[in-house]
Amino acid sequence: MSQRGTFRDPTSGGMACRPWPPPAGASRRARLGAALALLLGLTLGPAALASTLTIERTADGCRVHGSFVAAADRAVAWAVITDYEDIPRFVKAVRSSRLERGPDGVRLLRQKAEGGVLFLHETIEVLLELTEDPERSLAFRDRSGDDFSLYSGAWRLAPDSAGTRVDYDLTAEPRGVLARALCRSALRRSSSDLLEQVRAEILRRAASSGAHGLGSAPGEH
């Protein structure tokens, strides 16, 4: 892959920004915004260079597109991204992930993640409505509206000559001026970690099951 090991951010030239802590006596919303930025700005490990990532600033937040190719069957990749309640084991930022059923029968995923540094420590929570197209796409959107005015996106899987291509899209509009100001640099780091941790889990499961190669959905052989 010619873009392997690169990050592309047309709005910042790929330069990362440092987290900006709130002033003393700041409101809970400001502290929550800072904690969100810290949560989304987790330090990258050296393995995180296996995915490509593009960040676009929107009026009230950011839009993310990321992708990677894994030497694994598509069924394995699908099993990983839909392993909802086991996500905290392989995605470090997620502290809990629990499936629920809404009153309208829709499948919901309640997730909590924690971020903090020094004296700052906050919990971020989303309640994601899930829409599955088996082995092709998983769409999600937050129905709680607590920490985001908009949080929606999708995972998409497609066959690739080297295995399975995984695409990830997210549009996020955090609540709070501070969180919105830091959205671009924060999402660059958190999304990179997320993509690489999901990729690593796909490769681990493929290796243990022997399910390597082209991943195809039913009826596409």
N, C-alpha and C. Protein backbone atom coordinates (compact mmCIF):
# COMPACT_ATOMS: atom_id res chain seq x y z
N MET A 1 0.84 -1.19 0.00
CA MET A 1 0.00 0.00 0.00
C MET A 1 0.87 1.24 0.00
N SER A 2 0.67 2.11 -0.97
CA SER A 2 1.54 3.27 -1.09
C SER A 2 1.35 4.26 0.03
N GLN A 3 0.16 4.24 0.70
CA GLN A 3 -0.11 5.20 1.76
C GLN A 3 0.05 4.60 3.14
N ARG A 4 0.56 3.41 3.22
CA ARG A 4 0.74 2.74 4.50
C ARG A 4 1.72 3.53 5.36
N GLY A 5 1.34 3.74 6.61
CA GLY A 5 2.21 4.44 7.52
C GLY A 5 2.13 5.94 7.40
N THR A 6 1.07 6.49 6.83
CA THR A 6 0.93 7.93 6.70
C THR A 6 -0.39 8.38 7.28
N PHE A 7 -0.42 9.64 7.72
CA PHE A 7 -1.65 10.29 8.14
C PHE A 7 -1.87 11.48 7.22
N ARG A 8 -3.08 11.65 6.73
CA ARG A 8 -3.37 12.75 5.83
C ARG A 8 -4.43 13.64 6.47
N ASP A 9 -4.10 14.89 6.73
CA ASP A 9 -5.04 15.84 7.29
C ASP A 9 -4.92 17.14 6.50
N PRO A 10 -5.78 17.35 5.51
CA PRO A 10 -5.64 18.50 4.64
C PRO A 10 -5.82 19.82 5.34
N THR A 11 -6.42 19.83 6.54
CA THR A 11 -6.66 21.10 7.22
C THR A 11 -5.52 21.49 8.15
N SER A 12 -4.63 20.54 8.45
CA SER A 12 -3.57 20.89 9.39
C SER A 12 -2.19 20.49 8.90
N GLY A 13 -2.11 19.90 7.73
CA GLY A 13 -0.81 19.47 7.24
C GLY A 13 -0.24 18.32 8.02
N GLY A 14 -1.10 17.62 8.79
CA GLY A 14 -0.63 16.46 9.55
C GLY A 14 0.02 16.81 10.86
N MET A 15 0.01 18.09 11.26
CA MET A 15 0.64 18.50 12.51
C MET A 15 -0.33 18.28 13.65
N ALA A 16 0.10 17.61 14.70
CA ALA A 16 -0.75 17.35 15.85
C ALA A 16 -0.79 18.56 16.77
N CYS A 17 -1.92 18.75 17.45
CA CYS A 17 -2.07 19.84 18.41
C CYS A 17 -2.06 19.26 19.82
N ARG A 18 -1.56 20.03 20.76
CA ARG A 18 -1.52 19.56 22.13
C ARG A 18 -2.84 19.83 22.83
N PRO A 19 -3.24 18.94 23.79
CA PRO A 19 -4.45 19.19 24.55
C PRO A 19 -4.38 20.51 25.30
N TRP A 20 -5.51 21.15 25.46
CA TRP A 20 -5.60 22.45 26.10
C TRP A 20 -6.44 22.33 27.35
N PRO A 21 -5.84 22.33 28.57
CA PRO A 21 -6.63 22.15 29.79
C PRO A 21 -7.46 23.39 30.09
N PRO A 22 -8.61 23.23 30.76
CA PRO A 22 -9.45 24.38 31.07
C PRO A 22 -8.87 25.18 32.20
N PRO A 23 -9.25 26.44 32.35
CA PRO A 23 -8.76 27.27 33.45
C PRO A 23 -9.32 26.78 34.77
N ALA A 24 -8.69 27.21 35.86
CA ALA A 24 -9.17 26.85 37.18
C ALA A 24 -10.58 27.38 37.37
N GLY A 25 -11.43 26.56 38.01
CA GLY A 25 -12.79 26.98 38.25
C GLY A 25 -13.71 26.86 37.05
N ALA A 26 -13.27 26.16 36.02
CA ALA A 26 -14.10 26.01 34.82
C ALA A 26 -15.33 25.17 35.14
N SER A 27 -16.39 25.36 34.35
CA SER A 27 -17.64 24.64 34.57
C SER A 27 -17.45 23.16 34.25
N ARG A 28 -18.44 22.34 34.70
CA ARG A 28 -18.37 20.91 34.40
C ARG A 28 -18.36 20.68 32.90
N ARG A 29 -19.14 21.47 32.14
CA ARG A 29 -19.18 21.30 30.69
C ARG A 29 -17.81 21.54 30.08
N ALA A 30 -17.09 22.57 30.58
CA ALA A 30 -15.75 22.84 30.07
C ALA A 30 -14.80 21.71 30.45
N ARG A 31 -14.94 21.22 31.71
CA ARG A 31 -14.09 20.11 32.13
C ARG A 31 -14.39 18.86 31.33
N LEU A 32 -15.69 18.63 31.06
CA LEU A 32 -16.07 17.48 30.26
C LEU A 32 -15.51 17.59 28.86
N GLY A 33 -15.53 18.81 28.30
CA GLY A 33 -14.97 19.02 26.98
C GLY A 33 -13.48 18.72 26.96
N ALA A 34 -12.77 19.17 28.00
CA ALA A 34 -11.34 18.89 28.08
C ALA A 34 -11.08 17.40 28.24
N ALA A 35 -11.90 16.74 29.07
CA ALA A 35 -11.73 15.30 29.26
C ALA A 35 -11.99 14.55 27.97
N LEU A 36 -12.99 15.00 27.20
CA LEU A 36 -13.26 14.38 25.91
C LEU A 36 -12.05 14.52 25.00
N ALA A 37 -11.45 15.71 24.98
CA ALA A 37 -10.27 15.91 24.15
C ALA A 37 -9.13 15.01 24.60
N LEU A 38 -8.98 14.86 25.92
CA LEU A 38 -7.93 13.99 26.45
C LEU A 38 -8.22 12.54 26.11
N LEU A 39 -9.49 12.16 26.24
CA LEU A 39 -9.88 10.79 25.90
C LEU A 39 -9.58 10.50 24.45
N LEU A 40 -9.95 11.43 23.56
CA LEU A 40 -9.76 11.20 22.14
C LEU A 40 -8.32 11.43 21.71
N GLY A 41 -7.50 11.97 22.60
CA GLY A 41 -6.12 12.26 22.25
C GLY A 41 -5.14 11.30 22.88
N LEU A 42 -5.52 10.04 23.02
CA LEU A 42 -4.63 9.04 23.60
C LEU A 42 -3.36 8.92 22.78
N THR A 43 -2.25 8.66 23.44
CA THR A 43 -0.97 8.57 22.77
C THR A 43 -0.92 7.39 21.81
N LEU A 44 -0.41 7.63 20.62
CA LEU A 44 -0.30 6.57 19.62
C LEU A 44 0.87 5.65 19.93
N GLY A 45 0.67 4.38 19.72
CA GLY A 45 1.76 3.42 19.78
C GLY A 45 2.41 3.28 18.42
N PRO A 46 3.59 2.67 18.31
CA PRO A 46 4.27 2.55 17.04
C PRO A 46 3.50 1.72 16.02
N ALA A 47 2.61 0.82 16.49
CA ALA A 47 1.88 -0.02 15.54
C ALA A 47 0.77 0.72 14.83
N ALA A 48 0.45 1.96 15.29
CA ALA A 48 -0.71 2.66 14.75
C ALA A 48 -0.48 3.20 13.35
N LEU A 49 0.67 2.97 12.77
CA LEU A 49 0.97 3.47 11.44
C LEU A 49 0.47 2.55 10.34
N ALA A 50 -0.32 1.54 10.66
CA ALA A 50 -0.77 0.58 9.66
C ALA A 50 -2.05 1.03 8.96
N SER A 51 -2.67 2.13 9.38
CA SER A 51 -3.92 2.60 8.79
C SER A 51 -3.72 3.98 8.18
N THR A 52 -4.65 4.34 7.29
CA THR A 52 -4.64 5.69 6.74
C THR A 52 -5.83 6.45 7.30
N LEU A 53 -5.69 7.75 7.43
CA LEU A 53 -6.69 8.54 8.13
C LEU A 53 -6.77 9.94 7.53
N THR A 54 -7.99 10.41 7.33
CA THR A 54 -8.23 11.76 6.86
C THR A 54 -9.21 12.45 7.81
N ILE A 55 -8.88 13.66 8.23
CA ILE A 55 -9.72 14.43 9.13
C ILE A 55 -10.18 15.71 8.43
N GLU A 56 -11.48 15.98 8.51
CA GLU A 56 -12.03 17.19 7.90
C GLU A 56 -12.80 17.96 8.97
N ARG A 57 -12.52 19.23 9.11
CA ARG A 57 -13.23 20.07 10.07
C ARG A 57 -14.59 20.47 9.51
N THR A 58 -15.64 20.37 10.34
CA THR A 58 -16.97 20.82 9.96
C THR A 58 -17.31 22.05 10.80
N ALA A 59 -18.50 22.60 10.60
CA ALA A 59 -18.87 23.83 11.30
C ALA A 59 -18.85 23.64 12.82
N ASP A 60 -19.31 22.48 13.30
CA ASP A 60 -19.42 22.26 14.74
C ASP A 60 -18.67 21.04 15.23
N GLY A 61 -17.81 20.48 14.42
CA GLY A 61 -17.09 19.29 14.84
C GLY A 61 -16.12 18.82 13.79
N CYS A 62 -16.08 17.51 13.58
CA CYS A 62 -15.12 16.93 12.65
C CYS A 62 -15.72 15.72 11.95
N ARG A 63 -15.16 15.44 10.79
CA ARG A 63 -15.54 14.25 10.03
C ARG A 63 -14.26 13.43 9.81
N VAL A 64 -14.36 12.12 10.04
CA VAL A 64 -13.21 11.23 9.96
C VAL A 64 -13.45 10.16 8.91
N HIS A 65 -12.43 9.87 8.13
CA HIS A 65 -12.45 8.67 7.29
C HIS A 65 -11.13 7.95 7.49
N GLY A 66 -11.22 6.68 7.83
CA GLY A 66 -10.03 5.86 8.00
C GLY A 66 -10.20 4.53 7.29
N SER A 67 -9.08 3.88 7.00
CA SER A 67 -9.16 2.58 6.34
C SER A 67 -7.90 1.78 6.60
N PHE A 68 -8.04 0.46 6.46
CA PHE A 68 -6.89 -0.42 6.50
C PHE A 68 -7.26 -1.70 5.77
N VAL A 69 -6.25 -2.49 5.42
CA VAL A 69 -6.46 -3.81 4.81
C VAL A 69 -5.87 -4.85 5.74
N ALA A 70 -6.64 -5.89 6.01
CA ALA A 70 -6.17 -6.96 6.88
C ALA A 70 -6.17 -8.28 6.11
N ALA A 71 -5.14 -9.07 6.30
CA ALA A 71 -5.05 -10.39 5.67
C ALA A 71 -5.94 -11.36 6.42
N ALA A 72 -7.24 -11.22 6.20
CA ALA A 72 -8.22 -12.04 6.91
C ALA A 72 -9.48 -12.14 6.08
N ASP A 73 -10.24 -13.20 6.31
CA ASP A 73 -11.53 -13.35 5.65
C ASP A 73 -12.50 -12.30 6.17
N ARG A 74 -13.45 -11.91 5.32
CA ARG A 74 -14.40 -10.88 5.73
C ARG A 74 -15.25 -11.32 6.91
N ALA A 75 -15.53 -12.58 7.02
CA ALA A 75 -16.31 -13.08 8.15
C ALA A 75 -15.59 -12.82 9.48
N VAL A 76 -14.27 -12.92 9.46
CA VAL A 76 -13.49 -12.66 10.68
C VAL A 76 -13.57 -11.18 11.03
N ALA A 77 -13.39 -10.32 10.05
CA ALA A 77 -13.48 -8.87 10.29
C ALA A 77 -14.85 -8.49 10.83
N TRP A 78 -15.90 -9.08 10.26
CA TRP A 78 -17.25 -8.80 10.70
C TRP A 78 -17.46 -9.25 12.14
N ALA A 79 -16.93 -10.41 12.48
CA ALA A 79 -17.07 -10.92 13.84
C ALA A 79 -16.41 -9.99 14.85
N VAL A 80 -15.32 -9.34 14.46
CA VAL A 80 -14.63 -8.42 15.38
C VAL A 80 -15.43 -7.15 15.58
N ILE A 81 -15.86 -6.50 14.49
CA ILE A 81 -16.53 -5.20 14.66
C ILE A 81 -17.93 -5.35 15.26
N THR A 82 -18.49 -6.56 15.27
CA THR A 82 -19.80 -6.78 15.89
C THR A 82 -19.69 -7.55 17.21
N ASP A 83 -18.50 -7.70 17.73
CA ASP A 83 -18.30 -8.35 19.03
C ASP A 83 -18.54 -7.31 20.12
N TYR A 84 -19.76 -6.81 20.19
CA TYR A 84 -20.08 -5.59 20.92
C TYR A 84 -19.68 -5.60 22.38
N GLU A 85 -20.01 -6.67 23.09
CA GLU A 85 -19.79 -6.67 24.54
C GLU A 85 -18.36 -7.02 24.92
N ASP A 86 -17.57 -7.48 23.94
CA ASP A 86 -16.17 -7.81 24.22
C ASP A 86 -15.23 -6.70 23.75
N ILE A 87 -15.79 -5.61 23.22
CA ILE A 87 -14.96 -4.51 22.69
C ILE A 87 -13.95 -3.98 23.71
N PRO A 88 -14.29 -3.82 25.00
CA PRO A 88 -13.30 -3.30 25.94
C PRO A 88 -12.02 -4.12 26.04
N ARG A 89 -12.08 -5.39 25.64
CA ARG A 89 -10.88 -6.21 25.72
C ARG A 89 -9.83 -5.79 24.71
N PHE A 90 -10.25 -5.33 23.50
CA PHE A 90 -9.26 -5.01 22.49
C PHE A 90 -9.27 -3.54 22.05
N VAL A 91 -10.19 -2.72 22.56
CA VAL A 91 -10.16 -1.27 22.33
C VAL A 91 -9.95 -0.61 23.69
N LYS A 92 -8.78 -0.09 23.92
CA LYS A 92 -8.37 0.31 25.27
C LYS A 92 -9.19 1.45 25.85
N ALA A 93 -9.67 2.39 25.03
CA ALA A 93 -10.39 3.54 25.55
C ALA A 93 -11.78 3.19 26.08
N VAL A 94 -12.33 2.07 25.63
CA VAL A 94 -13.69 1.69 26.01
C VAL A 94 -13.65 0.91 27.33
N ARG A 95 -14.42 1.41 28.31
CA ARG A 95 -14.44 0.77 29.62
C ARG A 95 -15.60 -0.21 29.77
N SER A 96 -16.71 0.06 29.10
CA SER A 96 -17.83 -0.87 29.15
C SER A 96 -18.61 -0.76 27.85
N SER A 97 -19.22 -1.86 27.45
CA SER A 97 -19.98 -1.92 26.20
C SER A 97 -21.08 -2.96 26.39
N ARG A 98 -22.35 -2.52 26.35
CA ARG A 98 -23.44 -3.42 26.68
C ARG A 98 -24.59 -3.26 25.69
N LEU A 99 -25.05 -4.37 25.15
CA LEU A 99 -26.18 -4.36 24.23
C LEU A 99 -27.49 -4.21 25.00
N GLU A 100 -28.39 -3.40 24.43
CA GLU A 100 -29.71 -3.20 25.00
C GLU A 100 -30.74 -3.26 23.87
N ARG A 101 -31.99 -3.33 24.25
CA ARG A 101 -33.07 -3.32 23.27
C ARG A 101 -33.97 -2.12 23.57
N GLY A 102 -34.13 -1.24 22.59
CA GLY A 102 -34.98 -0.08 22.77
C GLY A 102 -36.44 -0.44 22.77
N PRO A 103 -37.31 0.46 23.26
CA PRO A 103 -38.76 0.19 23.29
C PRO A 103 -39.34 -0.05 21.90
N ASP A 104 -38.65 0.46 20.88
CA ASP A 104 -39.09 0.25 19.50
C ASP A 104 -38.49 -1.01 18.89
N GLY A 105 -37.76 -1.79 19.70
CA GLY A 105 -37.15 -3.02 19.23
C GLY A 105 -35.80 -2.86 18.60
N VAL A 106 -35.30 -1.63 18.50
CA VAL A 106 -34.00 -1.37 17.87
C VAL A 106 -32.88 -1.82 18.80
N ARG A 107 -31.83 -2.39 18.22
CA ARG A 107 -30.66 -2.79 19.02
C ARG A 107 -29.85 -1.55 19.35
N LEU A 108 -29.51 -1.41 20.63
CA LEU A 108 -28.75 -0.27 21.11
C LEU A 108 -27.49 -0.76 21.80
N LEU A 109 -26.42 0.01 21.67
CA LEU A 109 -25.16 -0.32 22.32
C LEU A 109 -24.76 0.84 23.22
N ARG A 110 -24.77 0.59 24.52
CA ARG A 110 -24.38 1.61 25.49
C ARG A 110 -22.89 1.44 25.80
N GLN A 111 -22.12 2.47 25.51
CA GLN A 111 -20.68 2.42 25.73
C GLN A 111 -20.22 3.55 26.64
N LYS A 112 -19.27 3.23 27.48
CA LYS A 112 -18.63 4.23 28.33
C LYS A 112 -17.13 4.18 28.09
N ALA A 113 -16.53 5.35 28.04
CA ALA A 113 -15.08 5.45 27.89
C ALA A 113 -14.58 6.49 28.87
N GLU A 114 -13.35 6.34 29.31
CA GLU A 114 -12.79 7.24 30.31
C GLU A 114 -11.56 7.93 29.76
N GLY A 115 -11.40 9.19 30.15
CA GLY A 115 -10.20 9.93 29.80
C GLY A 115 -9.79 10.78 30.98
N GLY A 116 -8.50 10.98 31.14
CA GLY A 116 -8.06 11.81 32.25
C GLY A 116 -6.56 11.98 32.26
N VAL A 117 -6.12 13.04 32.88
CA VAL A 117 -4.71 13.30 33.10
C VAL A 117 -4.60 14.20 34.32
N LEU A 118 -3.68 13.88 35.19
CA LEU A 118 -3.50 14.63 36.44
C LEU A 118 -4.82 14.69 37.20
N PHE A 119 -5.39 15.90 37.41
CA PHE A 119 -6.59 16.05 38.22
C PHE A 119 -7.88 15.92 37.42
N LEU A 120 -7.80 15.76 36.12
CA LEU A 120 -8.99 15.67 35.29
C LEU A 120 -9.36 14.21 35.04
N HIS A 121 -10.64 13.91 35.25
CA HIS A 121 -11.10 12.53 35.01
C HIS A 121 -12.59 12.57 34.75
N GLU A 122 -13.01 12.20 33.57
CA GLU A 122 -14.42 12.22 33.21
C GLU A 122 -14.78 10.96 32.44
N THR A 123 -16.06 10.61 32.46
CA THR A 123 -16.58 9.48 31.70
C THR A 123 -17.44 9.99 30.56
N ILE A 124 -17.19 9.47 29.37
CA ILE A 124 -17.97 9.81 28.19
C ILE A 124 -18.88 8.63 27.88
N GLU A 125 -20.16 8.92 27.59
CA GLU A 125 -21.11 7.84 27.33
C GLU A 125 -21.90 8.12 26.07
N VAL A 126 -22.11 7.06 25.27
CA VAL A 126 -22.97 7.14 24.08
C VAL A 126 -23.92 5.96 24.10
N LEU A 127 -25.07 6.14 23.47
CA LEU A 127 -26.04 5.08 23.30
C LEU A 127 -26.27 4.94 21.80
N LEU A 128 -25.62 3.95 21.19
CA LEU A 128 -25.57 3.84 19.74
C LEU A 128 -26.69 2.96 19.20
N GLU A 129 -27.44 3.51 18.27
CA GLU A 129 -28.40 2.72 17.52
C GLU A 129 -27.65 2.02 16.39
N LEU A 130 -27.83 0.71 16.27
CA LEU A 130 -27.05 -0.09 15.33
C LEU A 130 -27.90 -0.53 14.15
N THR A 131 -27.32 -0.44 12.96
CA THR A 131 -27.98 -0.95 11.76
C THR A 131 -26.98 -1.84 11.02
N GLU A 132 -27.26 -3.13 10.93
CA GLU A 132 -26.33 -4.09 10.35
C GLU A 132 -26.74 -4.53 8.95
N ASP A 133 -25.78 -4.62 8.06
CA ASP A 133 -25.91 -5.31 6.78
C ASP A 133 -24.81 -6.37 6.82
N PRO A 134 -25.14 -7.60 7.23
CA PRO A 134 -24.11 -8.60 7.58
C PRO A 134 -22.97 -8.72 6.58
N GLU A 135 -21.76 -8.63 7.14
CA GLU A 135 -20.48 -8.76 6.43
C GLU A 135 -20.29 -7.67 5.38
N ARG A 136 -21.10 -6.62 5.44
CA ARG A 136 -20.91 -5.50 4.52
C ARG A 136 -20.76 -4.16 5.25
N SER A 137 -21.70 -3.84 6.15
CA SER A 137 -21.63 -2.55 6.82
C SER A 137 -22.32 -2.59 8.17
N LEU A 138 -21.84 -1.75 9.06
CA LEU A 138 -22.43 -1.54 10.37
C LEU A 138 -22.53 -0.04 10.59
N ALA A 139 -23.74 0.50 10.58
CA ALA A 139 -23.96 1.93 10.81
C ALA A 139 -24.35 2.15 12.27
N PHE A 140 -23.98 3.32 12.80
CA PHE A 140 -24.29 3.64 14.19
C PHE A 140 -24.56 5.13 14.34
N ARG A 141 -25.41 5.48 15.30
CA ARG A 141 -25.63 6.88 15.65
C ARG A 141 -26.03 6.96 17.12
N ASP A 142 -25.56 8.01 17.77
CA ASP A 142 -25.84 8.20 19.19
C ASP A 142 -27.25 8.75 19.38
N ARG A 143 -28.02 8.10 20.25
CA ARG A 143 -29.37 8.55 20.54
C ARG A 143 -29.47 9.29 21.87
N SER A 144 -28.40 9.30 22.66
CA SER A 144 -28.48 9.94 23.98
C SER A 144 -28.34 11.46 23.88
N GLY A 145 -27.42 11.93 23.05
CA GLY A 145 -27.19 13.37 22.93
C GLY A 145 -26.56 14.01 24.14
N ASP A 146 -26.00 13.22 25.05
CA ASP A 146 -25.44 13.78 26.28
C ASP A 146 -24.12 14.52 26.04
N ASP A 147 -23.17 13.87 25.40
CA ASP A 147 -21.85 14.46 25.20
C ASP A 147 -21.61 14.91 23.77
N PHE A 148 -22.51 14.53 22.86
CA PHE A 148 -22.40 14.93 21.45
C PHE A 148 -23.77 15.40 20.96
N SER A 149 -23.77 16.48 20.20
CA SER A 149 -25.01 16.86 19.51
C SER A 149 -25.19 16.00 18.27
N LEU A 150 -24.10 15.46 17.75
CA LEU A 150 -24.15 14.52 16.63
C LEU A 150 -22.97 13.57 16.74
N TYR A 151 -23.24 12.29 16.64
CA TYR A 151 -22.20 11.26 16.65
C TYR A 151 -22.74 10.10 15.82
N SER A 152 -22.30 9.99 14.58
CA SER A 152 -22.81 8.94 13.70
C SER A 152 -21.74 8.52 12.71
N GLY A 153 -21.83 7.30 12.24
CA GLY A 153 -20.83 6.81 11.29
C GLY A 153 -21.12 5.38 10.88
N ALA A 154 -20.10 4.74 10.34
CA ALA A 154 -20.28 3.37 9.85
C ALA A 154 -18.94 2.69 9.67
N TRP A 155 -18.95 1.38 9.80
CA TRP A 155 -17.87 0.49 9.39
C TRP A 155 -18.33 -0.18 8.10
N ARG A 156 -17.43 -0.30 7.12
CA ARG A 156 -17.77 -0.97 5.86
C ARG A 156 -16.66 -1.94 5.49
N LEU A 157 -17.06 -3.13 5.04
CA LEU A 157 -16.12 -4.18 4.67
C LEU A 157 -16.23 -4.47 3.18
N ALA A 158 -15.08 -4.72 2.53
CA ALA A 158 -15.07 -5.05 1.11
C ALA A 158 -13.90 -5.97 0.83
N PRO A 159 -14.04 -6.87 -0.15
CA PRO A 159 -12.92 -7.76 -0.49
C PRO A 159 -11.76 -6.97 -1.07
N ASP A 160 -10.56 -7.45 -0.81
CA ASP A 160 -9.34 -6.84 -1.31
C ASP A 160 -8.39 -7.96 -1.71
N SER A 161 -7.51 -7.68 -2.65
CA SER A 161 -6.57 -8.71 -3.10
C SER A 161 -5.70 -9.23 -1.98
N ALA A 162 -5.53 -8.43 -0.92
CA ALA A 162 -4.71 -8.85 0.22
C ALA A 162 -5.55 -9.37 1.38
N GLY A 163 -6.87 -9.42 1.22
CA GLY A 163 -7.72 -9.91 2.30
C GLY A 163 -9.03 -9.14 2.35
N THR A 164 -9.20 -8.31 3.38
CA THR A 164 -10.42 -7.52 3.56
C THR A 164 -10.06 -6.06 3.80
N ARG A 165 -10.74 -5.18 3.07
CA ARG A 165 -10.57 -3.75 3.29
C ARG A 165 -11.63 -3.29 4.28
N VAL A 166 -11.20 -2.55 5.30
CA VAL A 166 -12.11 -2.03 6.31
C VAL A 166 -12.08 -0.50 6.24
N ASP A 167 -13.25 0.10 6.04
CA ASP A 167 -13.38 1.55 6.02
C ASP A 167 -14.19 2.00 7.23
N TYR A 168 -13.80 3.12 7.79
CA TYR A 168 -14.45 3.66 8.99
C TYR A 168 -14.76 5.13 8.76
N ASP A 169 -16.01 5.51 8.99
CA ASP A 169 -16.42 6.90 8.85
C ASP A 169 -17.12 7.35 10.13
N LEU A 170 -16.84 8.58 10.55
CA LEU A 170 -17.44 9.14 11.75
C LEU A 170 -17.62 10.63 11.58
N THR A 171 -18.79 11.14 11.92
CA THR A 171 -19.02 12.56 12.05
C THR A 171 -19.37 12.84 13.50
N ALA A 172 -18.59 13.70 14.16
CA ALA A 172 -18.77 13.97 15.58
C ALA A 172 -18.84 15.47 15.82
N GLU A 173 -19.85 15.86 16.57
CA GLU A 173 -20.00 17.26 16.98
C GLU A 173 -20.11 17.27 18.51
N PRO A 174 -18.97 17.42 19.20
CA PRO A 174 -18.99 17.40 20.67
C PRO A 174 -19.72 18.63 21.21
N ARG A 175 -20.33 18.46 22.37
CA ARG A 175 -20.93 19.60 23.06
C ARG A 175 -19.84 20.35 23.81
N GLY A 176 -19.86 21.66 23.77
CA GLY A 176 -18.86 22.46 24.46
C GLY A 176 -17.86 23.06 23.50
N VAL A 177 -17.55 24.32 23.68
CA VAL A 177 -16.64 25.05 22.78
C VAL A 177 -15.25 24.45 22.81
N LEU A 178 -14.77 24.09 23.98
CA LEU A 178 -13.42 23.55 24.12
C LEU A 178 -13.27 22.25 23.35
N ALA A 179 -14.23 21.34 23.51
CA ALA A 179 -14.17 20.05 22.82
C ALA A 179 -14.21 20.25 21.32
N ARG A 180 -15.04 21.17 20.82
CA ARG A 180 -15.11 21.41 19.38
C ARG A 180 -13.80 21.99 18.86
N ALA A 181 -13.16 22.85 19.64
CA ALA A 181 -11.91 23.45 19.20
C ALA A 181 -10.81 22.42 19.04
N LEU A 182 -10.86 21.37 19.88
CA LEU A 182 -9.81 20.36 19.86
C LEU A 182 -10.21 19.12 19.07
N CYS A 183 -11.34 19.18 18.40
CA CYS A 183 -11.90 17.98 17.77
C CYS A 183 -10.94 17.36 16.75
N ARG A 184 -10.34 18.17 15.90
CA ARG A 184 -9.54 17.64 14.80
C ARG A 184 -8.33 16.86 15.29
N SER A 185 -7.52 17.48 16.14
CA SER A 185 -6.32 16.78 16.61
C SER A 185 -6.67 15.60 17.50
N ALA A 186 -7.73 15.73 18.29
CA ALA A 186 -8.12 14.65 19.18
C ALA A 186 -8.62 13.44 18.40
N LEU A 187 -9.49 13.67 17.41
CA LEU A 187 -10.03 12.55 16.65
C LEU A 187 -8.97 11.89 15.80
N ARG A 188 -7.97 12.64 15.35
CA ARG A 188 -6.88 12.02 14.58
C ARG A 188 -6.21 10.94 15.41
N ARG A 189 -5.95 11.23 16.65
CA ARG A 189 -5.23 10.27 17.49
C ARG A 189 -6.13 9.11 17.92
N SER A 190 -7.33 9.43 18.39
CA SER A 190 -8.19 8.36 18.87
C SER A 190 -8.61 7.42 17.75
N SER A 191 -8.91 7.96 16.58
CA SER A 191 -9.32 7.11 15.46
C SER A 191 -8.19 6.23 15.00
N SER A 192 -6.97 6.75 15.01
CA SER A 192 -5.81 5.94 14.64
C SER A 192 -5.64 4.77 15.59
N ASP A 193 -5.78 5.03 16.89
CA ASP A 193 -5.69 3.95 17.86
C ASP A 193 -6.80 2.94 17.65
N LEU A 194 -8.02 3.43 17.45
CA LEU A 194 -9.15 2.53 17.25
C LEU A 194 -8.93 1.63 16.05
N LEU A 195 -8.54 2.20 14.92
CA LEU A 195 -8.34 1.41 13.70
C LEU A 195 -7.27 0.36 13.90
N GLU A 196 -6.16 0.74 14.52
CA GLU A 196 -5.08 -0.22 14.68
C GLU A 196 -5.43 -1.31 15.67
N GLN A 197 -6.16 -0.97 16.72
CA GLN A 197 -6.54 -2.00 17.69
C GLN A 197 -7.55 -2.98 17.10
N VAL A 198 -8.48 -2.48 16.29
CA VAL A 198 -9.42 -3.37 15.61
C VAL A 198 -8.68 -4.23 14.60
N ARG A 199 -7.77 -3.64 13.84
CA ARG A 199 -6.98 -4.39 12.86
C ARG A 199 -6.16 -5.50 13.54
N ALA A 200 -5.54 -5.17 14.67
CA ALA A 200 -4.73 -6.15 15.39
C ALA A 200 -5.59 -7.32 15.86
N GLU A 201 -6.83 -7.04 16.30
CA GLU A 201 -7.71 -8.11 16.75
C GLU A 201 -8.16 -8.98 15.59
N ILE A 202 -8.42 -8.36 14.43
CA ILE A 202 -8.77 -9.14 13.25
C ILE A 202 -7.63 -10.08 12.87
N LEU A 203 -6.43 -9.58 12.86
CA LEU A 203 -5.27 -10.40 12.50
C LEU A 203 -5.04 -11.50 13.52
N ARG A 204 -5.25 -11.20 14.80
CA ARG A 204 -5.07 -12.20 15.84
C ARG A 204 -6.05 -13.35 15.65
N ARG A 205 -7.32 -13.01 15.38
CA ARG A 205 -8.33 -14.05 15.21
C ARG A 205 -8.12 -14.83 13.92
N ALA A 206 -7.68 -14.13 12.87
CA ALA A 206 -7.41 -14.82 11.61
C ALA A 206 -6.28 -15.83 11.79
N ALA A 207 -5.25 -15.43 12.54
CA ALA A 207 -4.13 -16.32 12.76
C ALA A 207 -4.53 -17.54 13.58
N SER A 208 -5.40 -17.34 14.56
CA SER A 208 -5.79 -18.45 15.43
C SER A 208 -6.76 -19.41 14.74
N SER A 209 -7.53 -18.88 13.76
CA SER A 209 -8.52 -19.72 13.09
C SER A 209 -8.07 -20.20 11.72
N GLY A 210 -6.98 -19.60 11.20
CA GLY A 210 -6.51 -19.95 9.88
C GLY A 210 -7.34 -19.35 8.77
N ALA A 211 -8.19 -18.34 9.09
CA ALA A 211 -9.07 -17.72 8.10
C ALA A 211 -8.39 -16.54 7.45
N HIS A 212 -7.44 -16.80 6.56
CA HIS A 212 -6.71 -15.76 5.83
C HIS A 212 -7.27 -15.63 4.43
N GLY A 213 -6.93 -14.54 3.79
CA GLY A 213 -7.25 -14.40 2.36
C GLY A 213 -8.45 -13.56 2.10
N LEU A 214 -9.01 -13.70 0.90
CA LEU A 214 -10.10 -12.86 0.43
C LEU A 214 -11.35 -13.09 1.26
N GLY A 215 -11.91 -12.01 1.81
CA GLY A 215 -13.16 -12.12 2.55
C GLY A 215 -14.32 -11.78 1.67
N SER A 216 -15.27 -12.68 1.52
CA SER A 216 -16.41 -12.43 0.65
C SER A 216 -17.71 -12.64 1.39
N ALA A 217 -18.68 -11.81 1.07
CA ALA A 217 -19.99 -11.95 1.67
C ALA A 217 -20.73 -13.10 1.01
N PRO A 218 -21.77 -13.63 1.66
CA PRO A 218 -22.53 -14.73 1.07
C PRO A 218 -23.03 -14.36 -0.33
N GLY A 219 -22.86 -15.29 -1.26
CA GLY A 219 -23.31 -15.06 -2.61
C GLY A 219 -22.33 -14.34 -3.50
N GLU A 220 -21.13 -14.02 -2.96
CA GLU A 220 -20.14 -13.28 -3.75
C GLU A 220 -18.92 -14.12 -4.08
N HIS A 221 -19.00 -15.41 -3.98
CA HIS A 221 -17.87 -16.29 -4.32
C HIS A 221 -17.72 -16.37 -5.83
